Amino acid sequence: MRRLHGEKAPIIELFVSFFTFGGLLTAILTEIFWEWSGLASLGSFYLVFIAPFIMAYIGFRVRKLKKQSGYFKWIFYSSLSYAIIIPLTIIVIGIMNFFVDL
């Protein structure tokens, strides 16, 4: 790994990214196939209110390193896409609910 992708591997960034996207997949599958629970609510709270800030911080942190290796490039794009898409999704759902209630 050092020979191919640089000196320092992005272990913490990869762990947080996998944790966040794994939690998103778990929340989606819980909604589709199983019953909602308190643990799913806690996970959704993290995914909606905490994870966008953490993922934006990770994207900001690896922005200069994205040309160093493919790991950093994909961490950069995935973290910023999550940090942008989730808040936009919440805004769109809020607007749609506003107009449906009228």
PDB file of N, CA and C in Angstrom:
ATOM      1  N   MET A   1       0.824  -1.195   0.000  1.00  0.00           N
ATOM      2  CA  MET A   1       0.000   0.000   0.000  1.00  0.00           C
ATOM      3  C   MET A   1       0.863   1.251   0.000  1.00  0.00           C
ATOM      4  N   ARG A   2       1.923   1.245   0.773  1.00  0.00           N
ATOM      5  CA  ARG A   2       2.790   2.419   0.795  1.00  0.00           C
ATOM      6  C   ARG A   2       3.438   2.641  -0.557  1.00  0.00           C
ATOM      7  N   ARG A   3       3.815   1.554  -1.199  1.00  0.00           N
ATOM      8  CA  ARG A   3       4.489   1.672  -2.477  1.00  0.00           C
ATOM      9  C   ARG A   3       3.548   2.212  -3.543  1.00  0.00           C
ATOM     10  N   LEU A   4       2.289   1.784  -3.505  1.00  0.00           N
ATOM     11  CA  LEU A   4       1.338   2.179  -4.542  1.00  0.00           C
ATOM     12  C   LEU A   4       0.594   3.469  -4.244  1.00  0.00           C
ATOM     13  N   HIS A   5       0.301   3.720  -2.990  1.00  0.00           N
ATOM     14  CA  HIS A   5      -0.635   4.800  -2.680  1.00  0.00           C
ATOM     15  C   HIS A   5      -0.122   5.822  -1.673  1.00  0.00           C
ATOM     16  N   GLY A   6       1.154   5.969  -1.554  1.00  0.00           N
ATOM     17  CA  GLY A   6       1.657   7.016  -0.679  1.00  0.00           C
ATOM     18  C   GLY A   6       2.083   6.494   0.676  1.00  0.00           C
ATOM     19  N   GLU A   7       2.570   7.386   1.479  1.00  0.00           N
ATOM     20  CA  GLU A   7       3.157   7.022   2.759  1.00  0.00           C
ATOM     21  C   GLU A   7       2.111   6.761   3.839  1.00  0.00           C
ATOM     22  N   LYS A   8       1.113   7.616   3.941  1.00  0.00           N
ATOM     23  CA  LYS A   8       0.133   7.500   5.029  1.00  0.00           C
ATOM     24  C   LYS A   8      -1.229   7.123   4.467  1.00  0.00           C
ATOM     25  N   ALA A   9      -1.747   6.007   4.918  1.00  0.00           N
ATOM     26  CA  ALA A   9      -3.058   5.544   4.465  1.00  0.00           C
ATOM     27  C   ALA A   9      -4.160   6.302   5.204  1.00  0.00           C
ATOM     28  N   PRO A  10      -5.259   6.600   4.532  1.00  0.00           N
ATOM     29  CA  PRO A  10      -6.368   7.338   5.164  1.00  0.00           C
ATOM     30  C   PRO A  10      -7.286   6.412   5.968  1.00  0.00           C
ATOM     31  N   ILE A  11      -6.778   5.828   7.028  1.00  0.00           N
ATOM     32  CA  ILE A  11      -7.515   4.816   7.784  1.00  0.00           C
ATOM     33  C   ILE A  11      -8.736   5.422   8.476  1.00  0.00           C
ATOM     34  N   ILE A  12      -8.567   6.525   9.169  1.00  0.00           N
ATOM     35  CA  ILE A  12      -9.688   7.134   9.907  1.00  0.00           C
ATOM     36  C   ILE A  12     -10.750   7.639   8.939  1.00  0.00           C
ATOM     37  N   GLU A  13     -10.333   8.266   7.856  1.00  0.00           N
ATOM     38  CA  GLU A  13     -11.289   8.781   6.880  1.00  0.00           C
ATOM     39  C   GLU A  13     -12.089   7.645   6.235  1.00  0.00           C
ATOM     40  N   LEU A  14     -11.398   6.553   5.905  1.00  0.00           N
ATOM     41  CA  LEU A  14     -12.103   5.409   5.329  1.00  0.00           C
ATOM     42  C   LEU A  14     -13.071   4.785   6.329  1.00  0.00           C
ATOM     43  N   PHE A  15     -12.656   4.672   7.591  1.00  0.00           N
ATOM     44  CA  PHE A  15     -13.529   4.096   8.605  1.00  0.00           C
ATOM     45  C   PHE A  15     -14.809   4.924   8.766  1.00  0.00           C
ATOM     46  N   VAL A  16     -14.659   6.242   8.861  1.00  0.00           N
ATOM     47  CA  VAL A  16     -15.834   7.102   9.032  1.00  0.00           C
ATOM     48  C   VAL A  16     -16.719   7.060   7.785  1.00  0.00           C
ATOM     49  N   SER A  17     -16.113   7.028   6.606  1.00  0.00           N
ATOM     50  CA  SER A  17     -16.901   6.946   5.373  1.00  0.00           C
ATOM     51  C   SER A  17     -17.676   5.636   5.294  1.00  0.00           C
ATOM     52  N   PHE A  18     -17.012   4.520   5.584  1.00  0.00           N
ATOM     53  CA  PHE A  18     -17.704   3.228   5.567  1.00  0.00           C
ATOM     54  C   PHE A  18     -18.782   3.163   6.639  1.00  0.00           C
ATOM     55  N   PHE A  19     -18.506   3.724   7.805  1.00  0.00           N
ATOM     56  CA  PHE A  19     -19.488   3.747   8.884  1.00  0.00           C
ATOM     57  C   PHE A  19     -20.722   4.548   8.466  1.00  0.00           C
ATOM     58  N   THR A  20     -20.510   5.685   7.841  1.00  0.00           N
ATOM     59  CA  THR A  20     -21.619   6.549   7.443  1.00  0.00           C
ATOM     60  C   THR A  20     -22.433   5.925   6.315  1.00  0.00           C
ATOM     61  N   PHE A  21     -21.756   5.462   5.258  1.00  0.00           N
ATOM     62  CA  PHE A  21     -22.495   4.878   4.151  1.00  0.00           C
ATOM     63  C   PHE A  21     -23.105   3.530   4.517  1.00  0.00           C
ATOM     64  N   GLY A  22     -22.464   2.784   5.407  1.00  0.00           N
ATOM     65  CA  GLY A  22     -23.066   1.550   5.919  1.00  0.00           C
ATOM     66  C   GLY A  22     -24.304   1.839   6.745  1.00  0.00           C
ATOM     67  N   GLY A  23     -24.253   2.890   7.545  1.00  0.00           N
ATOM     68  CA  GLY A  23     -25.437   3.286   8.314  1.00  0.00           C
ATOM     69  C   GLY A  23     -26.569   3.745   7.417  1.00  0.00           C
ATOM     70  N   LEU A  24     -26.227   4.440   6.340  1.00  0.00           N
ATOM     71  CA  LEU A  24     -27.249   4.868   5.378  1.00  0.00           C
ATOM     72  C   LEU A  24     -27.903   3.661   4.712  1.00  0.00           C
ATOM     73  N   LEU A  25     -27.092   2.700   4.309  1.00  0.00           N
ATOM     74  CA  LEU A  25     -27.634   1.479   3.709  1.00  0.00           C
ATOM     75  C   LEU A  25     -28.494   0.712   4.703  1.00  0.00           C
ATOM     76  N   THR A  26     -28.057   0.630   5.947  1.00  0.00           N
ATOM     77  CA  THR A  26     -28.838  -0.056   6.979  1.00  0.00           C
ATOM     78  C   THR A  26     -30.166   0.644   7.230  1.00  0.00           C
ATOM     79  N   ALA A  27     -30.169   1.958   7.258  1.00  0.00           N
ATOM     80  CA  ALA A  27     -31.418   2.700   7.474  1.00  0.00           C
ATOM     81  C   ALA A  27     -32.381   2.496   6.307  1.00  0.00           C
ATOM     82  N   ILE A  28     -31.859   2.507   5.088  1.00  0.00           N
ATOM     83  CA  ILE A  28     -32.726   2.294   3.920  1.00  0.00           C
ATOM     84  C   ILE A  28     -33.306   0.879   3.931  1.00  0.00           C
ATOM     85  N   LEU A  29     -32.474  -0.123   4.204  1.00  0.00           N
ATOM     86  CA  LEU A  29     -32.962  -1.499   4.235  1.00  0.00           C
ATOM     87  C   LEU A  29     -33.920  -1.739   5.395  1.00  0.00           C
ATOM     88  N   THR A  30     -33.684  -1.059   6.525  1.00  0.00           N
ATOM     89  CA  THR A  30     -34.614  -1.172   7.651  1.00  0.00           C
ATOM     90  C   THR A  30     -35.980  -0.623   7.271  1.00  0.00           C
ATOM     91  N   GLU A  31     -36.010   0.491   6.583  1.00  0.00           N
ATOM     92  CA  GLU A  31     -37.277   1.086   6.165  1.00  0.00           C
ATOM     93  C   GLU A  31     -38.004   0.198   5.165  1.00  0.00           C
ATOM     94  N   ILE A  32     -37.267  -0.444   4.273  1.00  0.00           N
ATOM     95  CA  ILE A  32     -37.897  -1.236   3.214  1.00  0.00           C
ATOM     96  C   ILE A  32     -38.362  -2.606   3.716  1.00  0.00           C
ATOM     97  N   PHE A  33     -37.495  -3.313   4.450  1.00  0.00           N
ATOM     98  CA  PHE A  33     -37.766  -4.719   4.744  1.00  0.00           C
ATOM     99  C   PHE A  33     -38.169  -5.031   6.175  1.00  0.00           C
ATOM    100  N   TRP A  34     -37.809  -4.197   7.145  1.00  0.00           N
ATOM    101  CA  TRP A  34     -38.066  -4.522   8.528  1.00  0.00           C
ATOM    102  C   TRP A  34     -38.877  -3.428   9.207  1.00  0.00           C
ATOM    103  N   GLU A  35     -39.098  -3.610  10.501  1.00  0.00           N
ATOM    104  CA  GLU A  35     -39.821  -2.600  11.266  1.00  0.00           C
ATOM    105  C   GLU A  35     -38.838  -1.586  11.847  1.00  0.00           C
ATOM    106  N   TRP A  36     -39.294  -0.352  11.921  1.00  0.00           N
ATOM    107  CA  TRP A  36     -38.463   0.722  12.453  1.00  0.00           C
ATOM    108  C   TRP A  36     -38.298   0.539  13.950  1.00  0.00           C
ATOM    109  N   SER A  37     -37.131   0.846  14.476  1.00  0.00           N
ATOM    110  CA  SER A  37     -36.859   0.660  15.897  1.00  0.00           C
ATOM    111  C   SER A  37     -36.178   1.900  16.471  1.00  0.00           C
ATOM    112  N   GLY A  38     -35.940   1.860  17.761  1.00  0.00           N
ATOM    113  CA  GLY A  38     -35.253   2.969  18.418  1.00  0.00           C
ATOM    114  C   GLY A  38     -33.813   3.094  17.945  1.00  0.00           C
ATOM    115  N   LEU A  39     -33.164   1.966  17.698  1.00  0.00           N
ATOM    116  CA  LEU A  39     -31.794   2.006  17.200  1.00  0.00           C
ATOM    117  C   LEU A  39     -31.727   2.585  15.795  1.00  0.00           C
ATOM    118  N   ALA A  40     -32.722   2.279  14.975  1.00  0.00           N
ATOM    119  CA  ALA A  40     -32.783   2.879  13.639  1.00  0.00           C
ATOM    120  C   ALA A  40     -33.000   4.388  13.740  1.00  0.00           C
ATOM    121  N   SER A  41     -33.757   4.824  14.721  1.00  0.00           N
ATOM    122  CA  SER A  41     -33.956   6.262  14.923  1.00  0.00           C
ATOM    123  C   SER A  41     -32.667   6.957  15.350  1.00  0.00           C
ATOM    124  N   LEU A  42     -31.900   6.302  16.226  1.00  0.00           N
ATOM    125  CA  LEU A  42     -30.612   6.875  16.626  1.00  0.00           C
ATOM    126  C   LEU A  42     -29.652   6.949  15.441  1.00  0.00           C
ATOM    127  N   GLY A  43     -29.626   5.912  14.626  1.00  0.00           N
ATOM    128  CA  GLY A  43     -28.784   5.922  13.434  1.00  0.00           C
ATOM    129  C   GLY A  43     -29.201   7.001  12.458  1.00  0.00           C
ATOM    130  N   SER A  44     -30.490   7.179  12.291  1.00  0.00           N
ATOM    131  CA  SER A  44     -30.980   8.223  11.390  1.00  0.00           C
ATOM    132  C   SER A  44     -30.659   9.610  11.923  1.00  0.00           C
ATOM    133  N   PHE A  45     -30.721   9.771  13.236  1.00  0.00           N
ATOM    134  CA  PHE A  45     -30.324  11.053  13.837  1.00  0.00           C
ATOM    135  C   PHE A  45     -28.870  11.365  13.494  1.00  0.00           C
ATOM    136  N   TYR A  46     -27.994  10.363  13.624  1.00  0.00           N
ATOM    137  CA  TYR A  46     -26.591  10.565  13.253  1.00  0.00           C
ATOM    138  C   TYR A  46     -26.464  10.895  11.769  1.00  0.00           C
ATOM    139  N   LEU A  47     -27.164  10.160  10.916  1.00  0.00           N
ATOM    140  CA  LEU A  47     -27.034  10.346   9.473  1.00  0.00           C
ATOM    141  C   LEU A  47     -27.533  11.700   9.000  1.00  0.00           C
ATOM    142  N   VAL A  48     -28.534  12.247   9.661  1.00  0.00           N
ATOM    143  CA  VAL A  48     -29.125  13.508   9.209  1.00  0.00           C
ATOM    144  C   VAL A  48     -28.462  14.725   9.857  1.00  0.00           C
ATOM    145  N   PHE A  49     -28.172  14.646  11.150  1.00  0.00           N
ATOM    146  CA  PHE A  49     -27.729  15.841  11.854  1.00  0.00           C
ATOM    147  C   PHE A  49     -26.222  15.912  12.134  1.00  0.00           C
ATOM    148  N   ILE A  50     -25.549  14.790  12.192  1.00  0.00           N
ATOM    149  CA  ILE A  50     -24.134  14.794  12.562  1.00  0.00           C
ATOM    150  C   ILE A  50     -23.233  14.449  11.375  1.00  0.00           C
ATOM    151  N   ALA A  51     -23.597  13.426  10.623  1.00  0.00           N
ATOM    152  CA  ALA A  51     -22.734  12.938   9.545  1.00  0.00           C
ATOM    153  C   ALA A  51     -22.436  13.968   8.451  1.00  0.00           C
ATOM    154  N   PRO A  52     -23.375  14.822   8.035  1.00  0.00           N
ATOM    155  CA  PRO A  52     -22.997  15.802   7.007  1.00  0.00           C
ATOM    156  C   PRO A  52     -21.850  16.712   7.425  1.00  0.00           C
ATOM    157  N   PHE A  53     -21.808  17.096   8.698  1.00  0.00           N
ATOM    158  CA  PHE A  53     -20.719  17.950   9.167  1.00  0.00           C
ATOM    159  C   PHE A  53     -19.394  17.191   9.226  1.00  0.00           C
ATOM    160  N   ILE A  54     -19.458  15.948   9.677  1.00  0.00           N
ATOM    161  CA  ILE A  54     -18.237  15.136   9.744  1.00  0.00           C
ATOM    162  C   ILE A  54     -17.714  14.857   8.340  1.00  0.00           C
ATOM    163  N   MET A  55     -18.603  14.523   7.415  1.00  0.00           N
ATOM    164  CA  MET A  55     -18.174  14.232   6.053  1.00  0.00           C
ATOM    165  C   MET A  55     -17.647  15.490   5.357  1.00  0.00           C
ATOM    166  N   ALA A  56     -18.237  16.643   5.634  1.00  0.00           N
ATOM    167  CA  ALA A  56     -17.717  17.893   5.066  1.00  0.00           C
ATOM    168  C   ALA A  56     -16.319  18.182   5.619  1.00  0.00           C
ATOM    169  N   TYR A  57     -16.110  17.907   6.886  1.00  0.00           N
ATOM    170  CA  TYR A  57     -14.788  18.100   7.482  1.00  0.00           C
ATOM    171  C   TYR A  57     -13.761  17.161   6.849  1.00  0.00           C
ATOM    172  N   ILE A  58     -14.153  15.914   6.614  1.00  0.00           N
ATOM    173  CA  ILE A  58     -13.242  14.969   5.973  1.00  0.00           C
ATOM    174  C   ILE A  58     -12.913  15.430   4.560  1.00  0.00           C
ATOM    175  N   GLY A  59     -13.908  15.887   3.816  1.00  0.00           N
ATOM    176  CA  GLY A  59     -13.656  16.406   2.474  1.00  0.00           C
ATOM    177  C   GLY A  59     -12.730  17.603   2.489  1.00  0.00           C
ATOM    178  N   PHE A  60     -12.915  18.486   3.463  1.00  0.00           N
ATOM    179  CA  PHE A  60     -12.043  19.651   3.595  1.00  0.00           C
ATOM    180  C   PHE A  60     -10.622  19.233   3.954  1.00  0.00           C
ATOM    181  N   ARG A  61     -10.523  18.203   4.781  1.00  0.00           N
ATOM    182  CA  ARG A  61      -9.220  17.743   5.242  1.00  0.00           C
ATOM    183  C   ARG A  61      -8.396  17.056   4.148  1.00  0.00           C
ATOM    184  N   VAL A  62      -9.042  16.341   3.242  1.00  0.00           N
ATOM    185  CA  VAL A  62      -8.303  15.604   2.204  1.00  0.00           C
ATOM    186  C   VAL A  62      -8.309  16.318   0.856  1.00  0.00           C
ATOM    187  N   ARG A  63      -8.767  17.550   0.809  1.00  0.00           N
ATOM    188  CA  ARG A  63      -8.866  18.249  -0.473  1.00  0.00           C
ATOM    189  C   ARG A  63      -7.517  18.433  -1.154  1.00  0.00           C
ATOM    190  N   LYS A  64      -6.470  18.648  -0.394  1.00  0.00           N
ATOM    191  CA  LYS A  64      -5.144  18.845  -0.981  1.00  0.00           C
ATOM    192  C   LYS A  64      -4.468  17.520  -1.313  1.00  0.00           C
ATOM    193  N   LEU A  65      -4.951  16.439  -0.741  1.00  0.00           N
ATOM    194  CA  LEU A  65      -4.320  15.135  -0.934  1.00  0.00           C
ATOM    195  C   LEU A  65      -4.994  14.293  -2.012  1.00  0.00           C
ATOM    196  N   LYS A  66      -6.041  14.808  -2.639  1.00  0.00           N
ATOM    197  CA  LYS A  66      -6.805  13.983  -3.574  1.00  0.00           C
ATOM    198  C   LYS A  66      -6.011  13.601  -4.815  1.00  0.00           C
ATOM    199  N   LYS A  67      -4.951  14.333  -5.144  1.00  0.00           N
ATOM    200  CA  LYS A  67      -4.114  13.965  -6.289  1.00  0.00           C
ATOM    201  C   LYS A  67      -3.025  12.979  -5.905  1.00  0.00           C
ATOM    202  N   GLN A  68      -2.875  12.731  -4.620  1.00  0.00           N
ATOM    203  CA  GLN A  68      -1.833  11.829  -4.151  1.00  0.00           C
ATOM    204  C   GLN A  68      -2.167  10.369  -4.443  1.00  0.00           C
ATOM    205  N   SER A  69      -3.424   9.973  -4.259  1.00  0.00           N
ATOM    206  CA  SER A  69      -3.793   8.588  -4.511  1.00  0.00           C
ATOM    207  C   SER A  69      -5.290   8.490  -4.797  1.00  0.00           C
ATOM    208  N   GLY A  70      -5.675   7.331  -5.271  1.00  0.00           N
ATOM    209  CA  GLY A  70      -7.082   7.087  -5.548  1.00  0.00           C
ATOM    210  C   GLY A  70      -7.933   7.041  -4.295  1.00  0.00           C
ATOM    211  N   TYR A  71      -7.350   6.584  -3.187  1.00  0.00           N
ATOM    212  CA  TYR A  71      -8.083   6.557  -1.927  1.00  0.00           C
ATOM    213  C   TYR A  71      -8.550   7.957  -1.545  1.00  0.00           C
ATOM    214  N   PHE A  72      -7.653   8.904  -1.580  1.00  0.00           N
ATOM    215  CA  PHE A  72      -7.992  10.263  -1.182  1.00  0.00           C
ATOM    216  C   PHE A  72      -8.985  10.897  -2.157  1.00  0.00           C
ATOM    217  N   LYS A  73      -8.842  10.571  -3.430  1.00  0.00           N
ATOM    218  CA  LYS A  73      -9.767  11.125  -4.425  1.00  0.00           C
ATOM    219  C   LYS A  73     -11.192  10.650  -4.159  1.00  0.00           C
ATOM    220  N   TRP A  74     -11.363   9.347  -3.924  1.00  0.00           N
ATOM    221  CA  TRP A  74     -12.704   8.823  -3.699  1.00  0.00           C
ATOM    222  C   TRP A  74     -13.263   9.230  -2.343  1.00  0.00           C
ATOM    223  N   ILE A  75     -12.405   9.355  -1.347  1.00  0.00           N
ATOM    224  CA  ILE A  75     -12.870   9.865  -0.049  1.00  0.00           C
ATOM    225  C   ILE A  75     -13.336  11.302  -0.201  1.00  0.00           C
ATOM    226  N   PHE A  76     -12.603  12.101  -0.946  1.00  0.00           N
ATOM    227  CA  PHE A  76     -12.988  13.493  -1.163  1.00  0.00           C
ATOM    228  C   PHE A  76     -14.347  13.593  -1.845  1.00  0.00           C
ATOM    229  N   TYR A  77     -14.512  12.866  -2.960  1.00  0.00           N
ATOM    230  CA  TYR A  77     -15.775  12.960  -3.700  1.00  0.00           C
ATOM    231  C   TYR A  77     -16.947  12.359  -2.935  1.00  0.00           C
ATOM    232  N   SER A  78     -16.739  11.249  -2.258  1.00  0.00           N
ATOM    233  CA  SER A  78     -17.854  10.638  -1.526  1.00  0.00           C
ATOM    234  C   SER A  78     -18.247  11.473  -0.312  1.00  0.00           C
ATOM    235  N   SER A  79     -17.281  12.044   0.381  1.00  0.00           N
ATOM    236  CA  SER A  79     -17.623  12.831   1.562  1.00  0.00           C
ATOM    237  C   SER A  79     -18.328  14.127   1.178  1.00  0.00           C
ATOM    238  N   LEU A  80     -17.869  14.792   0.137  1.00  0.00           N
ATOM    239  CA  LEU A  80     -18.550  16.021  -0.257  1.00  0.00           C
ATOM    240  C   LEU A  80     -19.913  15.748  -0.881  1.00  0.00           C
ATOM    241  N   SER A  81     -20.038  14.642  -1.600  1.00  0.00           N
ATOM    242  CA  SER A  81     -21.357  14.328  -2.158  1.00  0.00           C
ATOM    243  C   SER A  81     -22.356  14.043  -1.042  1.00  0.00           C
ATOM    244  N   TYR A  82     -21.928  13.331   0.003  1.00  0.00           N
ATOM    245  CA  TYR A  82     -22.828  13.079   1.130  1.00  0.00           C
ATOM    246  C   TYR A  82     -23.174  14.384   1.836  1.00  0.00           C
ATOM    247  N   ALA A  83     -22.169  15.224   2.048  1.00  0.00           N
ATOM    248  CA  ALA A  83     -22.392  16.480   2.775  1.00  0.00           C
ATOM    249  C   ALA A  83     -23.288  17.444   1.995  1.00  0.00           C
ATOM    250  N   ILE A  84     -23.375  17.283   0.684  1.00  0.00           N
ATOM    251  CA  ILE A  84     -24.226  18.156  -0.127  1.00  0.00           C
ATOM    252  C   ILE A  84     -25.593  17.529  -0.382  1.00  0.00           C
ATOM    253  N   ILE A  85     -25.633  16.234  -0.685  1.00  0.00           N
ATOM    254  CA  ILE A  85     -26.887  15.579  -1.081  1.00  0.00           C
ATOM    255  C   ILE A  85     -27.860  15.432   0.085  1.00  0.00           C
ATOM    256  N   ILE A  86     -27.393  15.067   1.260  1.00  0.00           N
ATOM    257  CA  ILE A  86     -28.308  14.854   2.393  1.00  0.00           C
ATOM    258  C   ILE A  86     -29.030  16.140   2.795  1.00  0.00           C
ATOM    259  N   PRO A  87     -28.344  17.284   2.993  1.00  0.00           N
ATOM    260  CA  PRO A  87     -29.094  18.502   3.308  1.00  0.00           C
ATOM    261  C   PRO A  87     -30.045  18.938   2.189  1.00  0.00           C
ATOM    262  N   LEU A  88     -29.630  18.778   0.931  1.00  0.00           N
ATOM    263  CA  LEU A  88     -30.537  19.119  -0.172  1.00  0.00           C
ATOM    264  C   LEU A  88     -31.769  18.227  -0.185  1.00  0.00           C
ATOM    265  N   THR A  89     -31.585  16.958   0.115  1.00  0.00           N
ATOM    266  CA  THR A  89     -32.725  16.037   0.184  1.00  0.00           C
ATOM    267  C   THR A  89     -33.688  16.449   1.282  1.00  0.00           C
ATOM    268  N   ILE A  90     -33.173  16.831   2.425  1.00  0.00           N
ATOM    269  CA  ILE A  90     -34.032  17.271   3.532  1.00  0.00           C
ATOM    270  C   ILE A  90     -34.787  18.538   3.149  1.00  0.00           C
ATOM    271  N   ILE A  91     -34.128  19.469   2.480  1.00  0.00           N
ATOM    272  CA  ILE A  91     -34.787  20.705   2.055  1.00  0.00           C
ATOM    273  C   ILE A  91     -35.890  20.412   1.046  1.00  0.00           C
ATOM    274  N   VAL A  92     -35.619  19.548   0.071  1.00  0.00           N
ATOM    275  CA  VAL A  92     -36.623  19.208  -0.940  1.00  0.00           C
ATOM    276  C   VAL A  92     -37.817  18.509  -0.305  1.00  0.00           C
ATOM    277  N   ILE A  93     -37.581  17.590   0.622  1.00  0.00           N
ATOM    278  CA  ILE A  93     -38.687  16.910   1.296  1.00  0.00           C
ATOM    279  C   ILE A  93     -39.503  17.912   2.112  1.00  0.00           C
ATOM    280  N   GLY A  94     -38.837  18.856   2.784  1.00  0.00           N
ATOM    281  CA  GLY A  94     -39.556  19.882   3.539  1.00  0.00           C
ATOM    282  C   GLY A  94     -40.405  20.761   2.648  1.00  0.00           C
ATOM    283  N   ILE A  95     -39.896  21.144   1.479  1.00  0.00           N
ATOM    284  CA  ILE A  95     -40.665  21.959   0.530  1.00  0.00           C
ATOM    285  C   ILE A  95     -41.845  21.181  -0.001  1.00  0.00           C
ATOM    286  N   MET A  96     -41.629  19.912  -0.325  1.00  0.00           N
ATOM    287  CA  MET A  96     -42.735  19.094  -0.841  1.00  0.00           C
ATOM    288  C   MET A  96     -43.820  18.920   0.211  1.00  0.00           C
ATOM    289  N   ASN A  97     -43.439  18.695   1.471  1.00  0.00           N
ATOM    290  CA  ASN A  97     -44.428  18.587   2.526  1.00  0.00           C
ATOM    291  C   ASN A  97     -45.187  19.883   2.738  1.00  0.00           C
ATOM    292  N   PHE A  98     -44.520  21.010   2.568  1.00  0.00           N
ATOM    293  CA  PHE A  98     -45.171  22.301   2.719  1.00  0.00           C
ATOM    294  C   PHE A  98     -46.269  22.464   1.658  1.00  0.00           C
ATOM    295  N   PHE A  99     -45.960  22.131   0.412  1.00  0.00           N
ATOM    296  CA  PHE A  99     -46.944  22.295  -0.644  1.00  0.00           C
ATOM    297  C   PHE A  99     -48.037  21.247  -0.627  1.00  0.00           C
ATOM    298  N   VAL A 100     -47.761  20.078  -0.109  1.00  0.00           N
ATOM    299  CA  VAL A 100     -48.781  19.041   0.004  1.00  0.00           C
ATOM    300  C   VAL A 100     -49.803  19.431   1.079  1.00  0.00           C
ATOM    301  N   ASP A 101     -49.326  20.072   2.146  1.00  0.00           N
ATOM    302  CA  ASP A 101     -50.223  20.491   3.231  1.00  0.00           C
ATOM    303  C   ASP A 101     -51.134  21.638   2.838  1.00  0.00           C
ATOM    304  N   LEU A 102     -50.778  22.365   1.786  1.00  0.00           N
ATOM    305  CA  LEU A 102     -51.630  23.487   1.368  1.00  0.00           C
ATOM    306  C   LEU A 102     -52.870  22.930   0.762  1.00  0.00           C
TER     307      LEU A 102
END
